[in-house]
Amino acid sequence: MARGSNTSNIIVVREAKKAMDQWKYEVANEIGVQPPADGYWGNLSSRDCGAVGGHMVRKMIEMAERSIANTPQNR
């Protein structure tokens, strides 16, 4: 990957960007990480940013599992 390019954080559904950003701040607050007021996360520690991202992934997996479990074919 080229230096400075950030291809891992591409939002597939563009309409979801605002909601994902808002959710990131909510998750940070839930786990006790002070989110940056200016929107720049680069001054936070890798540990804090990783914790926020990790909790977001856990919640997404939980939502997907609930969705799958509640489909008519799986009841």
Protein backbone atom coordinates (compact mmCIF):
# COMPACT_ATOMS: atom_id res chain seq x y z
CA MET A 1 0.00 0.00 0.00
CA ALA A 2 1.29 3.42 -0.85
CA ARG A 3 2.36 5.65 1.97
CA GLY A 4 -0.45 7.92 3.12
CA SER A 5 -3.20 6.07 1.29
CA ASN A 6 -5.99 4.76 3.44
CA THR A 7 -7.94 2.14 1.52
CA SER A 8 -9.02 0.11 4.55
CA ASN A 9 -11.53 2.68 5.77
CA ILE A 10 -13.64 2.96 2.64
CA ILE A 11 -17.37 3.14 3.32
CA VAL A 12 -19.05 0.81 0.83
CA VAL A 13 -22.46 2.43 1.23
CA ARG A 14 -21.80 6.17 0.98
CA GLU A 15 -25.11 7.02 2.63
CA ALA A 16 -23.88 5.27 5.79
CA LYS A 17 -20.81 7.50 6.32
CA LYS A 18 -22.51 10.02 8.59
CA ALA A 19 -24.16 7.28 10.65
CA MET A 20 -20.88 5.36 10.98
CA ASP A 21 -19.03 8.48 12.13
CA GLN A 22 -21.72 9.20 14.71
CA TRP A 23 -21.69 5.59 15.86
CA LYS A 24 -17.89 5.71 16.27
CA TYR A 25 -18.28 8.60 18.73
CA GLU A 26 -21.06 6.77 20.59
CA VAL A 27 -18.94 3.64 20.94
CA ALA A 28 -15.95 5.70 22.11
CA ASN A 29 -18.10 7.29 24.82
CA GLU A 30 -19.50 3.88 25.84
CA ILE A 31 -16.04 2.46 26.48
CA GLY A 32 -14.65 5.57 28.13
CA VAL A 33 -12.47 6.89 25.31
CA GLN A 34 -12.61 10.67 24.95
CA PRO A 35 -13.35 11.23 21.25
CA PRO A 36 -11.61 14.16 19.57
CA ALA A 37 -13.74 17.30 19.35
CA ASP A 38 -12.08 18.33 16.09
CA GLY A 39 -12.67 14.96 14.40
CA TYR A 40 -8.96 14.12 14.06
CA TRP A 41 -8.31 10.76 15.69
CA GLY A 42 -4.55 10.82 14.98
CA ASN A 43 -3.70 12.26 18.39
CA LEU A 44 -5.31 9.35 20.24
CA SER A 45 -3.28 6.32 21.18
CA SER A 46 -3.33 3.25 18.96
CA ARG A 47 -4.74 1.35 21.91
CA ASP A 48 -7.73 3.69 22.26
CA CYS A 49 -8.43 3.79 18.52
CA GLY A 50 -8.11 0.02 18.34
CA ALA A 51 -10.50 -0.40 21.24
CA VAL A 52 -13.11 1.76 19.52
CA GLY A 53 -12.72 -0.12 16.24
CA GLY A 54 -12.77 -3.48 18.00
CA HIS A 55 -15.97 -2.68 19.84
CA MET A 56 -17.56 -1.45 16.62
CA VAL A 57 -16.70 -4.76 14.92
CA ARG A 58 -18.05 -6.78 17.85
CA LYS A 59 -21.32 -4.85 17.72
CA MET A 60 -21.58 -5.28 13.93
CA ILE A 61 -21.05 -9.03 14.27
CA GLU A 62 -23.67 -9.18 17.02
CA MET A 63 -26.15 -7.26 14.83
CA ALA A 64 -25.48 -9.59 11.89
CA GLU A 65 -25.91 -12.68 14.07
CA ARG A 66 -29.20 -11.35 15.44
CA SER A 67 -30.38 -10.57 11.93
CA ILE A 68 -29.48 -14.05 10.71
CA ALA A 69 -31.11 -15.68 13.75
CA ASN A 70 -34.34 -13.75 13.16
CA THR A 71 -34.78 -14.64 9.50
CA PRO A 72 -37.82 -16.86 8.81
CA GLN A 73 -35.66 -19.71 7.46
CA ASN A 74 -33.75 -19.92 10.76
CA ARG A 75 -36.67 -19.91 13.17
